[in-house]
């Protein structure tokens, strides 16, 4: 079959696919509109949210503003829980090494009663926070066993340094209380801590985590039975293409070139790291240099998350269907494999260039953006579809011709068959949207 005949066949298939997807999409739109207008749908959603295992869970993060004495009490709480974690880990290791006995979470919780007479300071903040620390160790061992069964690098749980122990958690509602009217958090052994309640808390508080980031303290409250916030139907669909130079490009022609905050702060971060490397270990100058590096990393992370929140909120508010590529980000940022040379040694060819690409992928924050889109869409009743990313950037959105040479530059796409020109990422986003509609139509036809 010649190339002209192949292109004509593909064009006919493309027209049929688009017509089928459009008709099915119209039918799905009509069905969604009818369901949203039916009051029984709202009643059903509220009924499902009350069923155990179906309730919607959300976490709300607030800034704490402790006094000097409360800050010192929180520091002591972190030190004691770190000591408890290390002691429980040593008990597990010793029991298995010397007695061949396995110690689990329940066995550790039983020893807390005997610990009250030996170390009452450990239980000064209540038993609930101690159970949270022991549960944290139990999850670490659970993840270790899971990695071992899957054939991955196990990574046995390690002892924690006080410098790296920055959070404590309460797995139930004991030992703490929220006063939303006065914006106060009461912690056993610490007192009532002022919190900045910048947004309302919805649902029923069930668990909580207090964490330290530099000189700031944060609280994350996990709530259940969170009511849904369904948005109005817009009747619009969008495909998004994630990139490095342009973080997001939509099928409507919008290109977001913001981001790359790590690249912008690279010189400032390198200067802070070089200053840290020259400081003597154990000195106060090194502690201040460590804080300076950590503050630079926190700023980059906060900027990246802020952009992801804004982009995901805009997409969820404006579109009913959001289609993106099913990217395997973990595989994309792996180091190149070693290649044997003539003298018997092995080298990683292209490792320097791959390291730069990996850095740019991490800096773009694709995973964070996709996670934010997923949870916001679930809360708003939107639909998110992940499609196969193969040939999305090489296929012409007009005639369907696939060739690597179509993409002549990072942002330039010119089809060699029909001459169609467009922004390369926008062309890919159109292909992604078409593939998502076809996948949606196929799923509707099967059902």
Protein backbone atom coordinates (compact mmCIF):
# COMPACT_ATOMS: atom_id res chain seq x y z
CA UNK A 1 0.00 0.00 0.00
CA UNK A 2 1.54 3.34 -1.07
CA UNK A 3 1.88 6.36 1.19
CA UNK A 4 -0.88 8.32 -0.60
CA UNK A 5 -3.35 5.46 -0.27
CA UNK A 6 -2.32 4.97 3.36
CA UNK A 7 -2.88 8.65 4.12
CA UNK A 8 -6.31 8.60 2.46
CA UNK A 9 -7.33 5.53 4.45
CA UNK A 10 -6.08 7.15 7.67
CA UNK A 11 -7.92 10.39 6.85
CA UNK A 12 -11.16 8.46 6.33
CA UNK A 13 -10.63 6.66 9.62
CA UNK A 14 -9.86 9.98 11.31
CA UNK A 15 -13.08 11.53 10.07
CA UNK A 16 -15.09 8.50 11.18
CA UNK A 17 -13.38 8.52 14.58
CA UNK A 18 -14.04 12.24 15.05
CA UNK A 19 -17.67 11.92 14.01
CA UNK A 20 -18.18 8.95 16.31
CA UNK A 21 -16.41 10.68 19.19
CA UNK A 22 -18.40 13.89 18.66
CA UNK A 23 -21.75 12.11 18.61
CA UNK A 24 -20.84 10.05 21.63
CA UNK A 25 -19.47 13.11 23.43
CA UNK A 26 -22.76 14.95 22.74
CA UNK A 27 -24.69 11.99 24.13
CA UNK A 28 -22.45 11.89 27.21
CA UNK A 29 -22.86 15.63 27.69
CA UNK A 30 -26.66 15.28 27.54
CA UNK A 31 -26.55 12.43 30.04
CA UNK A 32 -24.31 14.36 32.44
CA UNK A 33 -26.53 17.42 32.23
CA UNK A 34 -29.62 15.34 32.97
CA UNK A 35 -27.92 13.65 35.91
CA UNK A 36 -26.78 16.96 37.38
CA UNK A 37 -30.30 18.39 37.07
CA UNK A 38 -31.85 15.36 38.79
CA UNK A 39 -32.15 16.01 42.57
CA UNK A 40 -31.86 12.27 43.19
CA UNK A 41 -28.24 12.43 42.04
CA UNK A 42 -27.36 14.80 44.90
CA UNK A 43 -29.17 12.58 47.38
CA UNK A 44 -27.29 9.54 46.08
CA UNK A 45 -23.92 11.30 46.40
CA UNK A 46 -24.69 12.31 49.99
CA UNK A 47 -25.79 8.74 50.76
CA UNK A 48 -22.60 7.31 49.27
CA UNK A 49 -20.42 9.74 51.21
CA UNK A 50 -21.86 8.40 54.48
CA UNK A 51 -21.02 4.78 53.66
CA UNK A 52 -17.85 3.47 55.26
CA UNK A 53 -15.02 3.22 52.75
CA UNK A 54 -16.68 5.61 50.29
CA UNK A 55 -16.41 8.80 52.33
CA UNK A 56 -14.35 11.56 50.76
CA UNK A 57 -11.20 12.41 52.74
CA UNK A 58 -9.24 15.65 52.56
CA UNK A 59 -6.30 17.21 54.42
CA UNK A 60 -6.16 20.87 55.42
CA UNK A 61 -2.84 22.53 56.23
CA UNK A 62 -2.54 25.59 58.47
CA UNK A 63 0.32 27.66 59.84
CA UNK A 64 0.89 27.52 63.60
CA UNK A 65 2.06 30.57 65.55
CA UNK A 66 3.39 29.20 68.86
CA UNK A 67 4.90 31.30 71.64
CA UNK A 68 8.49 30.83 72.79
CA UNK A 69 7.49 28.38 75.54
CA UNK A 70 5.19 26.46 73.19
CA UNK A 71 7.96 26.27 70.60
CA UNK A 72 10.28 24.76 73.20
CA UNK A 73 7.57 22.26 74.19
CA UNK A 74 7.13 21.23 70.55
CA UNK A 75 10.89 20.77 70.21
CA UNK A 76 10.89 18.49 73.27
CA UNK A 77 7.97 16.56 71.79
CA UNK A 78 9.94 15.91 68.61
CA UNK A 79 13.01 14.74 70.53
CA UNK A 80 11.04 12.33 72.69
CA UNK A 81 9.12 10.83 69.80
CA UNK A 82 12.35 10.40 67.85
CA UNK A 83 13.81 8.56 70.83
CA UNK A 84 10.70 6.35 71.03
CA UNK A 85 10.96 5.53 67.33
CA UNK A 86 14.61 4.51 67.63
CA UNK A 87 13.94 2.44 70.75
CA UNK A 88 11.06 0.59 69.08
CA UNK A 89 13.23 -0.07 66.02
CA UNK A 90 16.03 -1.42 68.23
CA UNK A 91 13.53 -3.70 70.00
CA UNK A 92 12.36 -5.15 66.69
CA UNK A 93 15.90 -5.72 65.48
CA UNK A 94 17.09 -7.25 68.76
CA UNK A 95 14.06 -9.51 69.19
CA UNK A 96 14.53 -10.99 65.71
CA UNK A 97 18.35 -11.22 65.91
CA UNK A 98 18.71 -12.77 69.37
CA UNK A 99 15.36 -14.51 69.95
CA UNK A 100 14.00 -15.10 66.45
CA UNK A 101 10.81 -13.35 67.59
CA UNK A 102 8.77 -10.91 65.55
CA UNK A 103 7.44 -7.75 67.23
CA UNK A 104 4.48 -5.94 65.67
CA UNK A 105 2.57 -2.73 66.29
CA UNK A 106 0.21 -4.25 68.86
CA UNK A 107 3.13 -5.57 70.94
CA UNK A 108 4.68 -2.12 70.99
CA UNK A 109 1.41 -0.50 72.09
CA UNK A 110 1.19 -2.89 75.03
CA UNK A 111 4.60 -1.78 76.29
CA UNK A 112 3.44 1.84 76.53
CA UNK A 113 1.67 1.02 79.80
CA UNK A 114 4.89 -0.24 81.37
CA UNK A 115 6.75 2.76 79.98
CA UNK A 116 4.73 5.14 82.15
CA UNK A 117 6.57 4.08 85.31
CA UNK A 118 10.04 4.07 83.72
CA UNK A 119 9.95 7.10 81.39
CA UNK A 120 6.93 9.27 82.23
CA UNK A 121 8.33 12.12 80.12
CA UNK A 122 7.73 10.09 76.94
CA UNK A 123 4.00 9.98 77.73
CA UNK A 124 3.79 13.62 78.83
CA UNK A 125 1.95 14.53 75.61
CA UNK A 126 -0.42 11.58 75.77
CA UNK A 127 -0.58 8.03 74.45
CA UNK A 128 -2.14 8.96 71.10
CA UNK A 129 0.98 10.68 69.77
CA UNK A 130 3.10 7.69 70.88
CA UNK A 131 0.80 5.34 69.02
CA UNK A 132 1.21 7.53 65.96
CA UNK A 133 5.00 7.20 66.18
CA UNK A 134 4.76 3.42 66.54
CA UNK A 135 2.35 3.28 63.60
CA UNK A 136 4.88 5.23 61.57
CA UNK A 137 7.49 2.55 62.28
CA UNK A 138 5.00 -0.18 61.42
CA UNK A 139 4.33 1.46 58.04
CA UNK A 140 8.09 1.63 57.39
CA UNK A 141 8.38 -2.13 57.96
CA UNK A 142 5.29 -2.75 55.83
CA UNK A 143 6.84 -0.80 52.95
CA UNK A 144 10.10 -2.75 53.46
CA UNK A 145 8.32 -6.10 53.15
CA UNK A 146 6.34 -4.87 50.13
CA UNK A 147 9.51 -3.81 48.30
CA UNK A 148 11.12 -7.15 49.11
CA UNK A 149 8.18 -9.08 47.66
CA UNK A 150 8.22 -6.96 44.50
CA UNK A 151 11.91 -7.57 43.88
CA UNK A 152 12.93 -3.95 44.45
CA UNK A 153 15.74 -2.62 46.63
CA UNK A 154 14.36 -3.34 50.13
CA UNK A 155 15.77 -0.41 52.11
CA UNK A 156 15.61 -1.61 55.73
CA UNK A 157 14.21 1.00 58.18
CA UNK A 158 16.99 3.07 59.70
CA UNK A 159 17.46 4.96 62.93
CA UNK A 160 16.42 8.59 62.78
CA UNK A 161 18.49 11.60 63.75
CA UNK A 162 16.89 14.33 65.83
CA UNK A 163 17.85 16.83 63.12
CA UNK A 164 15.84 14.88 60.55
CA UNK A 165 12.82 14.12 62.76
CA UNK A 166 10.51 16.99 61.89
CA UNK A 167 6.95 15.72 62.40
CA UNK A 168 4.69 13.90 64.83
CA UNK A 169 1.25 12.52 64.15
CA UNK A 170 -1.93 11.66 65.99
CA UNK A 171 -3.81 8.73 64.40
CA UNK A 172 -7.02 9.45 66.32
CA UNK A 173 -8.75 12.38 68.00
CA UNK A 174 -7.12 11.87 71.40
CA UNK A 175 -4.64 14.38 72.80
CA UNK A 176 -5.69 17.37 70.69
CA UNK A 177 -8.70 19.59 70.08
CA UNK A 178 -9.55 22.22 67.46
CA UNK A 179 -11.30 25.45 68.41
CA UNK A 180 -12.25 26.88 65.02
CA UNK A 181 -14.08 29.88 66.44
CA UNK A 182 -10.98 31.20 68.21
CA UNK A 183 -8.46 29.69 65.73
CA UNK A 184 -6.71 27.69 68.43
CA UNK A 185 -5.24 24.17 68.53
CA UNK A 186 -5.00 22.61 71.98
CA UNK A 187 -2.25 20.02 72.34
CA UNK A 188 -1.74 17.94 75.46
CA UNK A 189 1.51 19.02 77.11
CA UNK A 190 1.88 22.10 74.90
CA UNK A 191 -1.22 24.23 75.46
CA UNK A 192 -3.44 26.24 73.14
CA UNK A 193 -1.46 27.21 70.04
CA UNK A 194 -2.64 29.99 67.76
CA UNK A 195 -3.20 28.93 64.17
CA UNK A 196 -3.77 30.93 61.00
CA UNK A 197 -7.14 29.66 59.77
CA UNK A 198 -6.88 31.01 56.23
CA UNK A 199 -9.68 28.77 54.91
CA UNK A 200 -12.61 26.95 56.43
CA UNK A 201 -12.23 23.34 57.49
CA UNK A 202 -14.87 21.00 56.07
CA UNK A 203 -15.74 17.54 57.24
CA UNK A 204 -15.00 15.71 60.50
CA UNK A 205 -11.42 15.96 61.85
CA UNK A 206 -10.04 12.48 62.50
CA UNK A 207 -6.23 12.69 62.56
CA UNK A 208 -3.53 15.31 62.63
CA UNK A 209 0.16 15.86 61.91
CA UNK A 210 2.33 18.66 63.32
CA UNK A 211 5.49 19.34 61.33
CA UNK A 212 8.44 21.72 61.49
CA UNK A 213 9.87 23.44 58.42
CA UNK A 214 12.81 25.60 59.32
CA UNK A 215 11.54 28.06 61.91
CA UNK A 216 7.88 27.54 61.04
CA UNK A 217 5.40 25.04 62.41
CA UNK A 218 2.49 23.60 60.43
CA UNK A 219 -0.50 21.43 61.23
CA UNK A 220 -2.20 19.13 58.73
CA UNK A 221 -5.71 18.01 59.73
CA UNK A 222 -7.15 14.96 57.97
CA UNK A 223 -10.93 15.05 57.70
CA UNK A 224 -13.55 12.54 56.57
CA UNK A 225 -17.10 12.97 55.28
CA UNK A 226 -16.05 16.06 53.35
CA UNK A 227 -19.02 17.33 51.30
CA UNK A 228 -18.60 17.51 47.53
CA UNK A 229 -18.25 20.83 45.69
CA UNK A 230 -19.77 20.08 42.29
CA UNK A 231 -19.15 22.78 39.70
CA UNK A 232 -21.50 23.89 36.96
CA UNK A 233 -21.39 22.08 33.64
CA UNK A 234 -19.35 23.95 31.01
CA UNK A 235 -19.61 21.63 27.99
CA UNK A 236 -15.91 22.09 27.17
CA UNK A 237 -13.14 19.49 26.85
CA UNK A 238 -9.39 20.04 26.79
CA UNK A 239 -6.22 18.10 26.13
CA UNK A 240 -3.02 19.17 27.86
CA UNK A 241 0.56 18.48 26.85
CA UNK A 242 3.22 18.67 29.55
CA UNK A 243 6.62 19.97 28.55
CA UNK A 244 9.85 21.47 29.81
CA UNK A 245 10.05 24.87 28.11
CA UNK A 246 6.26 25.29 28.26
CA UNK A 247 4.93 23.60 31.38
CA UNK A 248 1.39 23.18 30.01
CA UNK A 249 0.00 23.60 26.51
CA UNK A 250 -3.72 23.15 25.89
CA UNK A 251 -5.65 22.09 22.81
CA UNK A 252 -7.30 25.55 22.81
CA UNK A 253 -3.95 27.14 21.99
CA UNK A 254 -2.95 28.36 25.45
CA UNK A 255 0.75 27.96 26.27
CA UNK A 256 1.97 28.43 29.86
CA UNK A 257 5.67 29.27 29.84
CA UNK A 258 5.95 30.04 33.55
CA UNK A 259 7.74 27.81 36.01
CA UNK A 260 11.31 26.50 35.84
CA UNK A 261 11.89 27.99 39.28
CA UNK A 262 14.78 25.63 39.98
CA UNK A 263 16.61 26.89 36.91
CA UNK A 264 16.03 30.49 37.94
CA UNK A 265 17.35 29.93 41.46
CA UNK A 266 20.21 27.67 40.38
CA UNK A 267 22.97 30.23 40.94
CA UNK A 268 21.63 31.32 44.32
CA UNK A 269 21.26 27.70 45.44
CA UNK A 270 24.76 26.80 44.24
CA UNK A 271 26.21 29.73 46.16
CA UNK A 272 24.43 28.62 49.35
CA UNK A 273 25.63 25.02 48.91
CA UNK A 274 29.23 26.13 48.32
CA UNK A 275 29.09 28.24 51.46
CA UNK A 276 27.79 25.24 53.39
CA UNK A 277 30.61 22.99 52.17
CA UNK A 278 33.19 25.37 53.68
CA UNK A 279 31.68 25.39 57.18
CA UNK A 280 33.02 23.24 60.01
CA UNK A 281 30.74 20.47 61.18
CA UNK A 282 29.12 21.10 64.55
CA UNK A 283 29.53 24.88 64.41
CA UNK A 284 26.77 27.46 64.55
CA UNK A 285 27.92 28.88 61.24
CA UNK A 286 27.19 25.49 59.63
CA UNK A 287 23.74 25.38 61.21
CA UNK A 288 22.92 28.77 59.72
CA UNK A 289 24.29 27.67 56.33
CA UNK A 290 22.15 24.51 56.45
CA UNK A 291 19.08 26.62 57.14
CA UNK A 292 19.97 28.90 54.24
CA UNK A 293 20.12 25.95 51.80
CA UNK A 294 16.91 24.48 53.16
CA UNK A 295 15.17 27.85 52.85
CA UNK A 296 16.20 28.08 49.18
CA UNK A 297 14.83 24.60 48.49
CA UNK A 298 11.57 25.42 50.31
CA UNK A 299 11.08 28.55 48.23
CA UNK A 300 11.50 26.62 44.98
CA UNK A 301 9.09 23.95 46.17
CA UNK A 302 6.49 26.48 47.28
CA UNK A 303 6.69 28.34 43.96
CA UNK A 304 6.27 25.09 42.05
CA UNK A 305 3.27 24.03 44.15
CA UNK A 306 1.69 27.48 43.85
CA UNK A 307 1.84 27.33 40.06
CA UNK A 308 0.46 23.77 40.05
CA UNK A 309 -2.45 24.82 42.28
CA UNK A 310 -3.31 27.76 40.02
CA UNK A 311 -3.10 25.74 36.79
CA UNK A 312 -5.08 22.79 38.14
CA UNK A 313 -7.80 25.04 39.56
CA UNK A 314 -8.13 26.90 36.25
CA UNK A 315 -8.40 23.67 34.25
CA UNK A 316 -10.93 22.06 36.59
CA UNK A 317 -13.10 25.18 36.69
CA UNK A 318 -13.19 25.66 32.90
CA UNK A 319 -13.47 22.12 31.51
CA UNK A 320 -15.64 19.06 32.06
CA UNK A 321 -13.14 16.62 30.52
CA UNK A 322 -9.37 16.87 30.97
CA UNK A 323 -7.13 14.55 28.95
CA UNK A 324 -3.42 14.15 29.57
CA UNK A 325 -0.66 11.73 28.66
CA UNK A 326 -0.06 8.69 30.84
CA UNK A 327 3.56 9.56 31.51
CA UNK A 328 5.84 7.17 33.42
CA UNK A 329 7.83 9.91 35.10
CA UNK A 330 9.86 7.53 37.26
CA UNK A 331 11.10 5.71 34.17
CA UNK A 332 11.78 8.96 32.31
CA UNK A 333 14.22 10.24 34.96
CA UNK A 334 16.27 7.05 35.28
CA UNK A 335 19.98 7.12 34.61
CA UNK A 336 21.24 5.60 31.34
CA UNK A 337 22.37 1.99 31.46
CA UNK A 338 26.02 1.10 31.60
CA UNK A 339 27.68 0.09 28.32
CA UNK A 340 30.72 -2.17 28.12
CA UNK A 341 33.80 -0.70 26.46
CA UNK A 342 36.68 -2.43 24.71
CA UNK A 343 38.98 -2.45 27.75
CA UNK A 344 36.41 -4.26 29.91
CA UNK A 345 35.12 -1.25 31.84
CA UNK A 346 31.60 0.14 31.72
CA UNK A 347 30.47 3.73 31.28
CA UNK A 348 27.16 5.56 31.21
CA UNK A 349 27.00 7.16 27.78
CA UNK A 350 25.18 10.46 27.69
CA UNK A 351 24.94 10.61 31.48
CA UNK A 352 25.67 14.36 31.62
CA UNK A 353 22.99 15.25 29.08
CA UNK A 354 20.52 12.86 30.73
CA UNK A 355 21.20 14.45 34.11
CA UNK A 356 20.27 17.84 32.69
CA UNK A 357 17.07 16.44 31.19
CA UNK A 358 16.17 14.76 34.48
CA UNK A 359 16.72 18.03 36.33
CA UNK A 360 14.42 19.85 33.92
CA UNK A 361 11.70 17.21 34.27
CA UNK A 362 11.81 17.46 38.05
CA UNK A 363 11.80 21.25 37.83
CA UNK A 364 8.66 21.21 35.66
CA UNK A 365 6.72 19.40 38.40
CA UNK A 366 4.58 17.18 36.16
CA UNK A 367 3.70 14.72 38.92
CA UNK A 368 2.57 17.43 41.33
CA UNK A 369 0.37 19.05 38.68
CA UNK A 370 -1.29 15.76 37.69
CA UNK A 371 -1.99 14.88 41.34
CA UNK A 372 -3.57 18.29 41.95
CA UNK A 373 -5.72 17.94 38.82
CA UNK A 374 -6.85 14.47 39.90
CA UNK A 375 -8.04 15.38 43.39
CA UNK A 376 -9.62 18.68 42.35
CA UNK A 377 -11.46 16.97 39.49
CA UNK A 378 -12.74 14.26 41.78
CA UNK A 379 -14.06 16.85 44.22
CA UNK A 380 -15.72 18.88 41.45
CA UNK A 381 -17.22 15.94 39.55
CA UNK A 382 -14.99 16.37 36.50
CA UNK A 383 -13.56 13.57 34.36
CA UNK A 384 -9.83 12.99 33.84
CA UNK A 385 -8.50 10.55 31.23
CA UNK A 386 -4.89 9.41 30.72
CA UNK A 387 -4.01 8.29 27.19
CA UNK A 388 -1.07 6.54 25.54
CA UNK A 389 1.65 9.16 24.84
CA UNK A 390 3.09 7.42 21.78
CA UNK A 391 3.37 9.61 18.63
CA UNK A 392 1.33 12.46 20.12
CA UNK A 393 4.10 14.96 19.33
CA UNK A 394 4.94 13.45 15.92
CA UNK A 395 1.44 13.07 14.45
CA UNK A 396 -0.13 15.88 12.46
CA UNK A 397 -3.44 16.97 14.00
CA UNK A 398 -4.86 17.70 10.55
CA UNK A 399 -3.98 14.73 8.32
CA UNK A 400 -2.58 12.22 10.83
CA UNK A 401 0.82 11.81 9.16
CA UNK A 402 3.40 10.52 11.67
CA UNK A 403 7.09 11.39 11.32
CA UNK A 404 9.88 12.46 13.60
CA UNK A 405 10.84 15.11 11.05
CA UNK A 406 7.48 16.84 11.51
CA UNK A 407 8.75 18.44 14.68
CA UNK A 408 11.52 20.62 13.32
CA UNK A 409 12.24 22.51 16.56
CA UNK A 410 11.23 22.58 20.20
CA UNK A 411 8.17 24.75 19.54
CA UNK A 412 7.73 24.41 15.75
CA UNK A 413 5.62 21.71 14.05
CA UNK A 414 5.36 21.49 10.27
CA UNK A 415 3.76 18.47 8.63
CA UNK A 416 5.78 17.08 5.71
CA UNK A 417 2.65 15.65 4.10
CA UNK A 418 0.07 18.46 4.18
CA UNK A 419 2.19 21.45 5.24
CA UNK A 420 0.18 22.17 8.39
CA UNK A 421 2.10 24.39 10.84
CA UNK A 422 1.35 24.96 14.51
CA UNK A 423 2.99 25.20 17.89
CA UNK A 424 4.42 21.75 18.52
CA UNK A 425 2.94 21.40 22.02
CA UNK A 426 -0.48 22.68 20.94
CA UNK A 427 -0.52 20.17 18.08
CA UNK A 428 0.30 17.41 20.57
CA UNK A 429 -2.46 18.61 22.91
CA UNK A 430 -5.01 18.36 20.08
CA UNK A 431 -3.93 14.78 19.41
CA UNK A 432 -4.19 14.01 23.11
CA UNK A 433 -7.73 15.39 23.25
CA UNK A 434 -8.76 13.36 20.20
CA UNK A 435 -7.33 10.18 21.74
CA UNK A 436 -9.15 10.89 25.03
CA UNK A 437 -12.48 11.38 23.28
CA UNK A 438 -11.96 8.13 21.35
CA UNK A 439 -11.16 6.31 24.59
CA UNK A 440 -14.25 7.81 26.23
CA UNK A 441 -16.41 6.79 23.27
CA UNK A 442 -15.02 3.25 23.34
CA UNK A 443 -15.73 2.91 27.04
CA UNK A 444 -19.29 4.23 26.52
CA UNK A 445 -19.87 1.80 23.64
CA UNK A 446 -18.70 -1.17 25.71
CA UNK A 447 -20.97 -0.22 28.59
